[in-house]
Amino acid sequence: MRYKITRHPAFEADLREIHRLIQDYAGPDVANRKIIEIVRFIEQLCDFPKIGSVRNDVMRGLRAIPATDKATVCFVVDDDAMDILILAVGYAGSDWQARIQRRAL
């Protein structure tokens, strides 16, 4: 049985920020491809929810994993509900840890 993906309400804002950043230096086509790559990576978590480094130092149960060359996906896994909550996506050294703390459950 596959896990389902739930996204924090601010997840879309993370993607928009990443898109703007990439678009500014590489153009809209590259930005669109990078967002698609990140979203596809997240969809694969349904089959492999326990990948990534556990970052209890930031938040209990938090996992963080590189999704692309410069993107980091941060999520928690609820085994009872078979749910993966995507809390944030950081890019190119952005302070995803501070974002997680603001979004903590």
PDB file of N, CA and C in Angstrom:
ATOM      1  N   MET A   1       0.841  -1.186   0.000  1.00  0.00           N
ATOM      2  CA  MET A   1       0.000   0.000   0.000  1.00  0.00           C
ATOM      3  C   MET A   1       0.887   1.251   0.000  1.00  0.00           C
ATOM      4  N   ARG A   2       0.541   2.195  -0.825  1.00  0.00           N
ATOM      5  CA  ARG A   2       1.322   3.414  -0.980  1.00  0.00           C
ATOM      6  C   ARG A   2       0.917   4.481   0.034  1.00  0.00           C
ATOM      7  N   TYR A   3       1.881   5.267   0.422  1.00  0.00           N
ATOM      8  CA  TYR A   3       1.620   6.428   1.262  1.00  0.00           C
ATOM      9  C   TYR A   3       1.015   7.524   0.392  1.00  0.00           C
ATOM     10  N   LYS A   4       0.249   8.390   1.016  1.00  0.00           N
ATOM     11  CA  LYS A   4      -0.276   9.530   0.277  1.00  0.00           C
ATOM     12  C   LYS A   4       0.558  10.758   0.645  1.00  0.00           C
ATOM     13  N   ILE A   5       0.539  11.741  -0.234  1.00  0.00           N
ATOM     14  CA  ILE A   5       1.294  12.975  -0.036  1.00  0.00           C
ATOM     15  C   ILE A   5       0.336  14.091   0.356  1.00  0.00           C
ATOM     16  N   THR A   6       0.669  14.779   1.431  1.00  0.00           N
ATOM     17  CA  THR A   6      -0.039  15.984   1.850  1.00  0.00           C
ATOM     18  C   THR A   6       0.985  17.109   1.834  1.00  0.00           C
ATOM     19  N   ARG A   7       0.555  18.270   1.407  1.00  0.00           N
ATOM     20  CA  ARG A   7       1.474  19.405   1.328  1.00  0.00           C
ATOM     21  C   ARG A   7       1.064  20.488   2.321  1.00  0.00           C
ATOM     22  N   HIS A   8       2.034  21.044   2.996  1.00  0.00           N
ATOM     23  CA  HIS A   8       1.791  22.177   3.877  1.00  0.00           C
ATOM     24  C   HIS A   8       1.185  23.300   3.038  1.00  0.00           C
ATOM     25  N   PRO A   9       0.289  24.112   3.602  1.00  0.00           N
ATOM     26  CA  PRO A   9      -0.315  25.206   2.837  1.00  0.00           C
ATOM     27  C   PRO A   9       0.707  26.155   2.189  1.00  0.00           C
ATOM     28  N   ALA A  10       1.894  26.281   2.757  1.00  0.00           N
ATOM     29  CA  ALA A  10       2.906  27.183   2.205  1.00  0.00           C
ATOM     30  C   ALA A  10       3.803  26.510   1.153  1.00  0.00           C
ATOM     31  N   PHE A  11       3.560  25.251   0.866  1.00  0.00           N
ATOM     32  CA  PHE A  11       4.366  24.517  -0.115  1.00  0.00           C
ATOM     33  C   PHE A  11       4.377  25.211  -1.477  1.00  0.00           C
ATOM     34  N   GLU A  12       3.229  25.638  -1.943  1.00  0.00           N
ATOM     35  CA  GLU A  12       3.148  26.296  -3.256  1.00  0.00           C
ATOM     36  C   GLU A  12       3.963  27.584  -3.276  1.00  0.00           C
ATOM     37  N   ALA A  13       3.988  28.289  -2.158  1.00  0.00           N
ATOM     38  CA  ALA A  13       4.805  29.504  -2.080  1.00  0.00           C
ATOM     39  C   ALA A  13       6.290  29.171  -2.210  1.00  0.00           C
ATOM     40  N   ASP A  14       6.705  28.047  -1.643  1.00  0.00           N
ATOM     41  CA  ASP A  14       8.095  27.609  -1.800  1.00  0.00           C
ATOM     42  C   ASP A  14       8.416  27.393  -3.275  1.00  0.00           C
ATOM     43  N   LEU A  15       7.527  26.704  -3.980  1.00  0.00           N
ATOM     44  CA  LEU A  15       7.762  26.439  -5.400  1.00  0.00           C
ATOM     45  C   LEU A  15       7.790  27.727  -6.221  1.00  0.00           C
ATOM     46  N   ARG A  16       6.896  28.660  -5.906  1.00  0.00           N
ATOM     47  CA  ARG A  16       6.897  29.939  -6.622  1.00  0.00           C
ATOM     48  C   ARG A  16       8.206  30.696  -6.390  1.00  0.00           C
ATOM     49  N   GLU A  17       8.694  30.676  -5.166  1.00  0.00           N
ATOM     50  CA  GLU A  17       9.950  31.349  -4.832  1.00  0.00           C
ATOM     51  C   GLU A  17      11.115  30.718  -5.600  1.00  0.00           C
ATOM     52  N   ILE A  18      11.147  29.397  -5.630  1.00  0.00           N
ATOM     53  CA  ILE A  18      12.196  28.687  -6.366  1.00  0.00           C
ATOM     54  C   ILE A  18      12.105  29.030  -7.854  1.00  0.00           C
ATOM     55  N   HIS A  19      10.900  29.023  -8.381  1.00  0.00           N
ATOM     56  CA  HIS A  19      10.705  29.337  -9.797  1.00  0.00           C
ATOM     57  C   HIS A  19      11.226  30.734 -10.116  1.00  0.00           C
ATOM     58  N   ARG A  20      10.874  31.713  -9.293  1.00  0.00           N
ATOM     59  CA  ARG A  20      11.335  33.095  -9.511  1.00  0.00           C
ATOM     60  C   ARG A  20      12.861  33.188  -9.486  1.00  0.00           C
ATOM     61  N   LEU A  21      13.455  32.518  -8.516  1.00  0.00           N
ATOM     62  CA  LEU A  21      14.905  32.544  -8.375  1.00  0.00           C
ATOM     63  C   LEU A  21      15.590  31.981  -9.619  1.00  0.00           C
ATOM     64  N   ILE A  22      15.135  30.821 -10.071  1.00  0.00           N
ATOM     65  CA  ILE A  22      15.744  30.187 -11.238  1.00  0.00           C
ATOM     66  C   ILE A  22      15.464  31.003 -12.498  1.00  0.00           C
ATOM     67  N   GLN A  23      14.253  31.477 -12.626  1.00  0.00           N
ATOM     68  CA  GLN A  23      13.886  32.257 -13.805  1.00  0.00           C
ATOM     69  C   GLN A  23      14.765  33.494 -13.954  1.00  0.00           C
ATOM     70  N   ASP A  24      15.111  34.118 -12.828  1.00  0.00           N
ATOM     71  CA  ASP A  24      15.925  35.334 -12.866  1.00  0.00           C
ATOM     72  C   ASP A  24      17.305  35.097 -13.475  1.00  0.00           C
ATOM     73  N   TYR A  25      17.874  33.908 -13.274  1.00  0.00           N
ATOM     74  CA  TYR A  25      19.213  33.684 -13.816  1.00  0.00           C
ATOM     75  C   TYR A  25      19.266  32.699 -14.975  1.00  0.00           C
ATOM     76  N   ALA A  26      18.220  31.891 -15.170  1.00  0.00           N
ATOM     77  CA  ALA A  26      18.292  30.871 -16.223  1.00  0.00           C
ATOM     78  C   ALA A  26      17.114  30.887 -17.181  1.00  0.00           C
ATOM     79  N   GLY A  27      16.105  31.700 -16.890  1.00  0.00           N
ATOM     80  CA  GLY A  27      14.957  31.800 -17.775  1.00  0.00           C
ATOM     81  C   GLY A  27      13.802  30.902 -17.363  1.00  0.00           C
ATOM     82  N   PRO A  28      12.626  31.170 -17.950  1.00  0.00           N
ATOM     83  CA  PRO A  28      11.413  30.460 -17.540  1.00  0.00           C
ATOM     84  C   PRO A  28      11.395  28.974 -17.914  1.00  0.00           C
ATOM     85  N   ASP A  29      11.992  28.600 -19.030  1.00  0.00           N
ATOM     86  CA  ASP A  29      11.980  27.182 -19.411  1.00  0.00           C
ATOM     87  C   ASP A  29      12.756  26.330 -18.417  1.00  0.00           C
ATOM     88  N   VAL A  30      13.911  26.798 -18.035  1.00  0.00           N
ATOM     89  CA  VAL A  30      14.722  26.069 -17.055  1.00  0.00           C
ATOM     90  C   VAL A  30      13.989  26.027 -15.714  1.00  0.00           C
ATOM     91  N   ALA A  31      13.390  27.148 -15.317  1.00  0.00           N
ATOM     92  CA  ALA A  31      12.647  27.198 -14.057  1.00  0.00           C
ATOM     93  C   ALA A  31      11.487  26.204 -14.072  1.00  0.00           C
ATOM     94  N   ASN A  32      10.756  26.160 -15.168  1.00  0.00           N
ATOM     95  CA  ASN A  32       9.635  25.208 -15.269  1.00  0.00           C
ATOM     96  C   ASN A  32      10.122  23.771 -15.161  1.00  0.00           C
ATOM     97  N   ARG A  33      11.207  23.452 -15.843  1.00  0.00           N
ATOM     98  CA  ARG A  33      11.744  22.080 -15.785  1.00  0.00           C
ATOM     99  C   ARG A  33      12.178  21.712 -14.377  1.00  0.00           C
ATOM    100  N   LYS A  34      12.802  22.652 -13.680  1.00  0.00           N
ATOM    101  CA  LYS A  34      13.270  22.368 -12.320  1.00  0.00           C
ATOM    102  C   LYS A  34      12.094  22.119 -11.377  1.00  0.00           C
ATOM    103  N   ILE A  35      11.023  22.888 -11.502  1.00  0.00           N
ATOM    104  CA  ILE A  35       9.836  22.688 -10.657  1.00  0.00           C
ATOM    105  C   ILE A  35       9.223  21.322 -10.944  1.00  0.00           C
ATOM    106  N   ILE A  36       9.132  20.961 -12.214  1.00  0.00           N
ATOM    107  CA  ILE A  36       8.602  19.632 -12.579  1.00  0.00           C
ATOM    108  C   ILE A  36       9.475  18.539 -11.972  1.00  0.00           C
ATOM    109  N   GLU A  37      10.770  18.703 -12.021  1.00  0.00           N
ATOM    110  CA  GLU A  37      11.691  17.723 -11.453  1.00  0.00           C
ATOM    111  C   GLU A  37      11.470  17.575  -9.944  1.00  0.00           C
ATOM    112  N   ILE A  38      11.294  18.679  -9.246  1.00  0.00           N
ATOM    113  CA  ILE A  38      11.050  18.631  -7.797  1.00  0.00           C
ATOM    114  C   ILE A  38       9.736  17.928  -7.493  1.00  0.00           C
ATOM    115  N   VAL A  39       8.679  18.279  -8.215  1.00  0.00           N
ATOM    116  CA  VAL A  39       7.363  17.679  -7.978  1.00  0.00           C
ATOM    117  C   VAL A  39       7.392  16.180  -8.266  1.00  0.00           C
ATOM    118  N   ARG A  40       8.053  15.780  -9.327  1.00  0.00           N
ATOM    119  CA  ARG A  40       8.163  14.338  -9.638  1.00  0.00           C
ATOM    120  C   ARG A  40       8.920  13.594  -8.552  1.00  0.00           C
ATOM    121  N   PHE A  41       9.960  14.220  -8.035  1.00  0.00           N
ATOM    122  CA  PHE A  41      10.699  13.597  -6.948  1.00  0.00           C
ATOM    123  C   PHE A  41       9.785  13.379  -5.744  1.00  0.00           C
ATOM    124  N   ILE A  42       9.022  14.391  -5.399  1.00  0.00           N
ATOM    125  CA  ILE A  42       8.112  14.287  -4.253  1.00  0.00           C
ATOM    126  C   ILE A  42       7.098  13.167  -4.462  1.00  0.00           C
ATOM    127  N   GLU A  43       6.580  13.024  -5.668  1.00  0.00           N
ATOM    128  CA  GLU A  43       5.616  11.961  -5.955  1.00  0.00           C
ATOM    129  C   GLU A  43       6.210  10.578  -5.710  1.00  0.00           C
ATOM    130  N   GLN A  44       7.510  10.416  -5.907  1.00  0.00           N
ATOM    131  CA  GLN A  44       8.169   9.130  -5.690  1.00  0.00           C
ATOM    132  C   GLN A  44       8.251   8.757  -4.212  1.00  0.00           C
ATOM    133  N   LEU A  45       8.082   9.736  -3.335  1.00  0.00           N
ATOM    134  CA  LEU A  45       8.123   9.445  -1.908  1.00  0.00           C
ATOM    135  C   LEU A  45       7.004   8.491  -1.485  1.00  0.00           C
ATOM    136  N   CYS A  46       5.927   8.429  -2.257  1.00  0.00           N
ATOM    137  CA  CYS A  46       4.820   7.510  -1.945  1.00  0.00           C
ATOM    138  C   CYS A  46       5.305   6.073  -1.819  1.00  0.00           C
ATOM    139  N   ASP A  47       6.297   5.731  -2.607  1.00  0.00           N
ATOM    140  CA  ASP A  47       6.830   4.370  -2.601  1.00  0.00           C
ATOM    141  C   ASP A  47       8.027   4.200  -1.674  1.00  0.00           C
ATOM    142  N   PHE A  48       8.702   5.288  -1.345  1.00  0.00           N
ATOM    143  CA  PHE A  48       9.910   5.235  -0.520  1.00  0.00           C
ATOM    144  C   PHE A  48       9.879   6.320   0.549  1.00  0.00           C
ATOM    145  N   PRO A  49       8.956   6.230   1.508  1.00  0.00           N
ATOM    146  CA  PRO A  49       8.777   7.329   2.475  1.00  0.00           C
ATOM    147  C   PRO A  49       9.891   7.452   3.518  1.00  0.00           C
ATOM    148  N   LYS A  50      10.709   6.450   3.665  1.00  0.00           N
ATOM    149  CA  LYS A  50      11.710   6.474   4.743  1.00  0.00           C
ATOM    150  C   LYS A  50      13.102   6.878   4.251  1.00  0.00           C
ATOM    151  N   ILE A  51      13.182   7.491   3.082  1.00  0.00           N
ATOM    152  CA  ILE A  51      14.484   7.943   2.609  1.00  0.00           C
ATOM    153  C   ILE A  51      14.787   9.318   3.188  1.00  0.00           C
ATOM    154  N   GLY A  52      16.019   9.719   3.040  1.00  0.00           N
ATOM    155  CA  GLY A  52      16.412  11.028   3.539  1.00  0.00           C
ATOM    156  C   GLY A  52      17.030  10.926   4.920  1.00  0.00           C
ATOM    157  N   SER A  53      17.673  11.995   5.308  1.00  0.00           N
ATOM    158  CA  SER A  53      18.294  12.071   6.630  1.00  0.00           C
ATOM    159  C   SER A  53      17.265  12.498   7.659  1.00  0.00           C
ATOM    160  N   VAL A  54      17.254  11.817   8.784  1.00  0.00           N
ATOM    161  CA  VAL A  54      16.381  12.222   9.888  1.00  0.00           C
ATOM    162  C   VAL A  54      17.024  13.428  10.553  1.00  0.00           C
ATOM    163  N   ARG A  55      16.245  14.488  10.709  1.00  0.00           N
ATOM    164  CA  ARG A  55      16.754  15.747  11.270  1.00  0.00           C
ATOM    165  C   ARG A  55      15.992  16.108  12.543  1.00  0.00           C
ATOM    166  N   ASN A  56      16.091  15.234  13.550  1.00  0.00           N
ATOM    167  CA  ASN A  56      15.434  15.503  14.828  1.00  0.00           C
ATOM    168  C   ASN A  56      15.961  16.771  15.490  1.00  0.00           C
ATOM    169  N   ASP A  57      17.149  17.221  15.097  1.00  0.00           N
ATOM    170  CA  ASP A  57      17.704  18.454  15.653  1.00  0.00           C
ATOM    171  C   ASP A  57      16.903  19.677  15.224  1.00  0.00           C
ATOM    172  N   VAL A  58      16.195  19.574  14.109  1.00  0.00           N
ATOM    173  CA  VAL A  58      15.367  20.675  13.619  1.00  0.00           C
ATOM    174  C   VAL A  58      13.933  20.508  14.104  1.00  0.00           C
ATOM    175  N   MET A  59      13.413  19.288  13.946  1.00  0.00           N
ATOM    176  CA  MET A  59      12.048  18.962  14.377  1.00  0.00           C
ATOM    177  C   MET A  59      11.943  17.446  14.490  1.00  0.00           C
ATOM    178  N   ARG A  60      11.288  16.986  15.514  1.00  0.00           N
ATOM    179  CA  ARG A  60      11.166  15.545  15.733  1.00  0.00           C
ATOM    180  C   ARG A  60      10.495  14.882  14.529  1.00  0.00           C
ATOM    181  N   GLY A  61      11.170  13.860  13.994  1.00  0.00           N
ATOM    182  CA  GLY A  61      10.622  13.090  12.890  1.00  0.00           C
ATOM    183  C   GLY A  61      10.845  13.695  11.516  1.00  0.00           C
ATOM    184  N   LEU A  62      11.476  14.854  11.463  1.00  0.00           N
ATOM    185  CA  LEU A  62      11.703  15.513  10.175  1.00  0.00           C
ATOM    186  C   LEU A  62      12.725  14.728   9.358  1.00  0.00           C
ATOM    187  N   ARG A  63      12.445  14.619   8.077  1.00  0.00           N
ATOM    188  CA  ARG A  63      13.392  14.043   7.127  1.00  0.00           C
ATOM    189  C   ARG A  63      13.698  15.106   6.083  1.00  0.00           C
ATOM    190  N   ALA A  64      14.948  15.148   5.646  1.00  0.00           N
ATOM    191  CA  ALA A  64      15.360  16.083   4.605  1.00  0.00           C
ATOM    192  C   ALA A  64      16.176  15.309   3.577  1.00  0.00           C
ATOM    193  N   ILE A  65      15.911  15.590   2.307  1.00  0.00           N
ATOM    194  CA  ILE A  65      16.614  14.880   1.246  1.00  0.00           C
ATOM    195  C   ILE A  65      16.770  15.792   0.033  1.00  0.00           C
ATOM    196  N   PRO A  66      17.928  15.714  -0.613  1.00  0.00           N
ATOM    197  CA  PRO A  66      18.078  16.468  -1.855  1.00  0.00           C
ATOM    198  C   PRO A  66      17.126  15.920  -2.918  1.00  0.00           C
ATOM    199  N   ALA A  67      16.418  16.830  -3.564  1.00  0.00           N
ATOM    200  CA  ALA A  67      15.479  16.423  -4.611  1.00  0.00           C
ATOM    201  C   ALA A  67      16.058  16.664  -5.995  1.00  0.00           C
ATOM    202  N   THR A  68      16.919  17.644  -6.107  1.00  0.00           N
ATOM    203  CA  THR A  68      17.617  17.978  -7.344  1.00  0.00           C
ATOM    204  C   THR A  68      18.993  18.474  -6.939  1.00  0.00           C
ATOM    205  N   ASP A  69      19.711  19.014  -7.882  1.00  0.00           N
ATOM    206  CA  ASP A  69      21.056  19.511  -7.568  1.00  0.00           C
ATOM    207  C   ASP A  69      21.059  20.482  -6.398  1.00  0.00           C
ATOM    208  N   LYS A  70      20.065  21.361  -6.330  1.00  0.00           N
ATOM    209  CA  LYS A  70      20.081  22.412  -5.316  1.00  0.00           C
ATOM    210  C   LYS A  70      18.839  22.449  -4.437  1.00  0.00           C
ATOM    211  N   ALA A  71      17.904  21.543  -4.627  1.00  0.00           N
ATOM    212  CA  ALA A  71      16.650  21.561  -3.857  1.00  0.00           C
ATOM    213  C   ALA A  71      16.685  20.526  -2.738  1.00  0.00           C
ATOM    214  N   THR A  72      16.123  20.899  -1.608  1.00  0.00           N
ATOM    215  CA  THR A  72      15.982  19.994  -0.471  1.00  0.00           C
ATOM    216  C   THR A  72      14.509  19.910  -0.099  1.00  0.00           C
ATOM    217  N   VAL A  73      13.994  18.680  -0.028  1.00  0.00           N
ATOM    218  CA  VAL A  73      12.607  18.451   0.370  1.00  0.00           C
ATOM    219  C   VAL A  73      12.607  18.039   1.833  1.00  0.00           C
ATOM    220  N   CYS A  74      11.739  18.680   2.626  1.00  0.00           N
ATOM    221  CA  CYS A  74      11.641  18.424   4.062  1.00  0.00           C
ATOM    222  C   CYS A  74      10.245  17.897   4.358  1.00  0.00           C
ATOM    223  N   PHE A  75      10.179  16.754   5.056  1.00  0.00           N
ATOM    224  CA  PHE A  75       8.891  16.113   5.261  1.00  0.00           C
ATOM    225  C   PHE A  75       8.887  15.260   6.526  1.00  0.00           C
ATOM    226  N   VAL A  76       7.689  14.917   6.967  1.00  0.00           N
ATOM    227  CA  VAL A  76       7.504  13.973   8.069  1.00  0.00           C
ATOM    228  C   VAL A  76       6.606  12.853   7.585  1.00  0.00           C
ATOM    229  N   VAL A  77       6.817  11.679   8.159  1.00  0.00           N
ATOM    230  CA  VAL A  77       6.074  10.487   7.770  1.00  0.00           C
ATOM    231  C   VAL A  77       5.200  10.054   8.935  1.00  0.00           C
ATOM    232  N   ASP A  78       3.926   9.842   8.643  1.00  0.00           N
ATOM    233  CA  ASP A  78       2.984   9.311   9.625  1.00  0.00           C
ATOM    234  C   ASP A  78       2.626   7.894   9.170  1.00  0.00           C
ATOM    235  N   ASP A  79       3.249   6.892   9.809  1.00  0.00           N
ATOM    236  CA  ASP A  79       3.026   5.507   9.397  1.00  0.00           C
ATOM    237  C   ASP A  79       1.602   5.048   9.671  1.00  0.00           C
ATOM    238  N   ASP A  80       1.001   5.520  10.752  1.00  0.00           N
ATOM    239  CA  ASP A  80      -0.365   5.102  11.073  1.00  0.00           C
ATOM    240  C   ASP A  80      -1.356   5.568  10.011  1.00  0.00           C
ATOM    241  N   ALA A  81      -1.196   6.800   9.560  1.00  0.00           N
ATOM    242  CA  ALA A  81      -2.106   7.365   8.554  1.00  0.00           C
ATOM    243  C   ALA A  81      -1.629   7.091   7.128  1.00  0.00           C
ATOM    244  N   MET A  82      -0.418   6.502   6.997  1.00  0.00           N
ATOM    245  CA  MET A  82       0.178   6.268   5.681  1.00  0.00           C
ATOM    246  C   MET A  82       0.253   7.582   4.909  1.00  0.00           C
ATOM    247  N   ASP A  83       0.759   8.622   5.582  1.00  0.00           N
ATOM    248  CA  ASP A  83       0.793   9.960   5.016  1.00  0.00           C
ATOM    249  C   ASP A  83       2.196  10.547   5.117  1.00  0.00           C
ATOM    250  N   ILE A  84       2.567  11.280   4.094  1.00  0.00           N
ATOM    251  CA  ILE A  84       3.815  12.033   4.070  1.00  0.00           C
ATOM    252  C   ILE A  84       3.432  13.498   3.967  1.00  0.00           C
ATOM    253  N   LEU A  85       3.825  14.281   4.954  1.00  0.00           N
ATOM    254  CA  LEU A  85       3.537  15.714   4.949  1.00  0.00           C
ATOM    255  C   LEU A  85       4.779  16.452   4.477  1.00  0.00           C
ATOM    256  N   ILE A  86       4.676  17.096   3.321  1.00  0.00           N
ATOM    257  CA  ILE A  86       5.761  17.912   2.808  1.00  0.00           C
ATOM    258  C   ILE A  86       5.664  19.268   3.504  1.00  0.00           C
ATOM    259  N   LEU A  87       6.655  19.567   4.327  1.00  0.00           N
ATOM    260  CA  LEU A  87       6.631  20.814   5.093  1.00  0.00           C
ATOM    261  C   LEU A  87       7.260  21.973   4.342  1.00  0.00           C
ATOM    262  N   ALA A  88       8.309  21.704   3.591  1.00  0.00           N
ATOM    263  CA  ALA A  88       8.999  22.794   2.900  1.00  0.00           C
ATOM    264  C   ALA A  88       9.901  22.237   1.814  1.00  0.00           C
ATOM    265  N   VAL A  89      10.204  23.104   0.864  1.00  0.00           N
ATOM    266  CA  VAL A  89      11.224  22.823  -0.141  1.00  0.00           C
ATOM    267  C   VAL A  89      12.173  24.008  -0.129  1.00  0.00           C
ATOM    268  N   GLY A  90      13.425  23.719   0.132  1.00  0.00           N
ATOM    269  CA  GLY A  90      14.442  24.757   0.104  1.00  0.00           C
ATOM    270  C   GLY A  90      15.238  24.669  -1.184  1.00  0.00           C
ATOM    271  N   TYR A  91      15.881  25.765  -1.540  1.00  0.00           N
ATOM    272  CA  TYR A  91      16.657  25.772  -2.773  1.00  0.00           C
ATOM    273  C   TYR A  91      17.887  26.657  -2.622  1.00  0.00           C
ATOM    274  N   ALA A  92      19.004  26.155  -3.116  1.00  0.00           N
ATOM    275  CA  ALA A  92      20.251  26.918  -3.217  1.00  0.00           C
ATOM    276  C   ALA A  92      20.657  27.576  -1.904  1.00  0.00           C
ATOM    277  N   GLY A  93      20.631  26.810  -0.844  1.00  0.00           N
ATOM    278  CA  GLY A  93      21.098  27.325   0.432  1.00  0.00           C
ATOM    279  C   GLY A  93      20.101  28.161   1.212  1.00  0.00           C
ATOM    280  N   SER A  94      18.828  28.165   0.770  1.00  0.00           N
ATOM    281  CA  SER A  94      17.828  28.921   1.535  1.00  0.00           C
ATOM    282  C   SER A  94      17.678  28.320   2.930  1.00  0.00           C
ATOM    283  N   ASP A  95      17.209  29.106   3.855  1.00  0.00           N
ATOM    284  CA  ASP A  95      17.106  28.678   5.250  1.00  0.00           C
ATOM    285  C   ASP A  95      15.836  27.862   5.471  1.00  0.00           C
ATOM    286  N   TRP A  96      15.846  26.640   4.982  1.00  0.00           N
ATOM    287  CA  TRP A  96      14.663  25.783   5.136  1.00  0.00           C
ATOM    288  C   TRP A  96      14.449  25.405   6.597  1.00  0.00           C
ATOM    289  N   GLN A  97      15.500  25.389   7.385  1.00  0.00           N
ATOM    290  CA  GLN A  97      15.340  25.038   8.803  1.00  0.00           C
ATOM    291  C   GLN A  97      14.476  26.064   9.530  1.00  0.00           C
ATOM    292  N   ALA A  98      14.690  27.345   9.267  1.00  0.00           N
ATOM    293  CA  ALA A  98      13.859  28.379   9.884  1.00  0.00           C
ATOM    294  C   ALA A  98      12.423  28.256   9.396  1.00  0.00           C
ATOM    295  N   ARG A  99      12.253  27.936   8.129  1.00  0.00           N
ATOM    296  CA  ARG A  99      10.912  27.773   7.581  1.00  0.00           C
ATOM    297  C   ARG A  99      10.194  26.604   8.265  1.00  0.00           C
ATOM    298  N   ILE A 100      10.905  25.518   8.497  1.00  0.00           N
ATOM    299  CA  ILE A 100      10.323  24.358   9.191  1.00  0.00           C
ATOM    300  C   ILE A 100       9.883  24.752  10.582  1.00  0.00           C
ATOM    301  N   GLN A 101      10.702  25.463  11.295  1.00  0.00           N
ATOM    302  CA  GLN A 101      10.351  25.853  12.656  1.00  0.00           C
ATOM    303  C   GLN A 101       9.116  26.729  12.700  1.00  0.00           C
ATOM    304  N   ARG A 102       8.943  27.598  11.693  1.00  0.00           N
ATOM    305  CA  ARG A 102       7.730  28.419  11.632  1.00  0.00           C
ATOM    306  C   ARG A 102       6.504  27.576  11.282  1.00  0.00           C
ATOM    307  N   ARG A 103       6.708  26.500  10.547  1.00  0.00           N
ATOM    308  CA  ARG A 103       5.596  25.667  10.088  1.00  0.00           C
ATOM    309  C   ARG A 103       5.372  24.436  10.963  1.00  0.00           C
ATOM    310  N   ALA A 104       6.141  24.294  12.021  1.00  0.00           N
ATOM    311  CA  ALA A 104       6.077  23.092  12.847  1.00  0.00           C
ATOM    312  C   ALA A 104       4.659  22.799  13.285  1.00  0.00           C
ATOM    313  N   LEU A 105       4.416  21.522  13.382  1.00  0.00           N
ATOM    314  CA  LEU A 105       3.076  21.039  13.749  1.00  0.00           C
ATOM    315  C   LEU A 105       2.725  21.349  15.182  1.00  0.00           C
TER     316      LEU A 105
END
